[in-house]
Amino acid sequence: MKRVRKLFSAEEALALFQNIAEGESDGGEISDFEADWSEEDTDSDYEPHPSSAAPTRKRPAPPRSTASETGRRQAQNTRETQREDAPASHSAAAQGPGERGKDGTVWEPVPPQTVRRGRHPSQNILRETAGPTLYARQAVTDKESALLCLLDATILEHIRDCTVAQARLAGAHAWELSIGELKTFIALLYVRGAFSKNIEMESLWSGEWGLPFFQSTMPRSRYRDIMRYVRFDRREERMARLSTDKFTLATDVWQWFVANSICCYRPSDNLTVDEQLFPTKARCRFTQFMANKPDKFGIKFWVVAEVTTNTS
């Protein structure tokens, strides 16, 4: 006997589904696509399940994509591909700036693959040969001339004049200092720093424990007087400059020394910059306290050092 199929309208099928008990349901979730009913479904064929009186519905075929929808999908896929292939610098920029310096400069990481290839800018090309300059090679003939390239006559005369002026203010009106004695004093300072760290100055002239070089070069009393009066600036001009320059006690000598160093030596392209604390017990405005340094108190300098020769 041929089985007769019964066709249900959309309203009848919906009422039938609502009356189904929970035990007769398959427990599956109905997707938005399956629940999207329309009047076009009236021609669909329904066949009741053998074990249930509830009819089942055929899944309609997915709608065909039109030309406009296909174009939109292709454009979306292209944008996603470009987003995945974008360089890492764009993602880093989207996350925000890297590190910000005290002066407001923002430092961002630049991956090697994003560096622009081609000719380097003219300001980034090193055209000078590293090492002593022509001026230094012509001026240096012995150890003394090498020292005078850095401490030239201008610096020595300035220190001599400031030292004699300090002696006059201290009441030593007949006290004088020559350029030769000042050079000898500077040489003893170098030797003292090289041979005797944390050794008292008086012990260097000791007949039993001292160095013969000190005894034969300058009397201890003369060395002590120069050390007491030595100055690097004019005291009568100091107060006017302290308001704008805390390092005014040695600014002139320091700037001349840096200028002479630049004239005598050209560094290579491998440089490093770091701070260095020179320990001192002097009480002046430009000393600093740094708890992470071994000596704690001293003068902090920013030093540019050459990697290949350890020159700073």
Foldseek 3Di string as FASTA:
>chain_A
DDDDFDADAPVRLVVLVVPDDPVPDPPDDDDPQNPDDDRVCSPFGWDCDPVDRRIDGDRDDDDDDDPVNVVVVVVVVVVVVCVVPDDVVVVQVVVPFDDADPVGDTDHDDDPVPDDDDDDDPVPDDPDDFWWDPVQVVQDDDDVSNVCLLVPPVQLVLQQVQLLLQCVVVPNPVDHDDSVNVVLLVVVVVVCVVPPDPDDPVQQCDPVRHDVVVVVRDDPVVSVSSVVRGWNDHPVCPVVCCVPDQPVRHVVSVVSSVVSVVNTGDADPAKDKDKDFDDDPDDGDQWAADPVDPRRIGHIDIDIAHDPPRRD
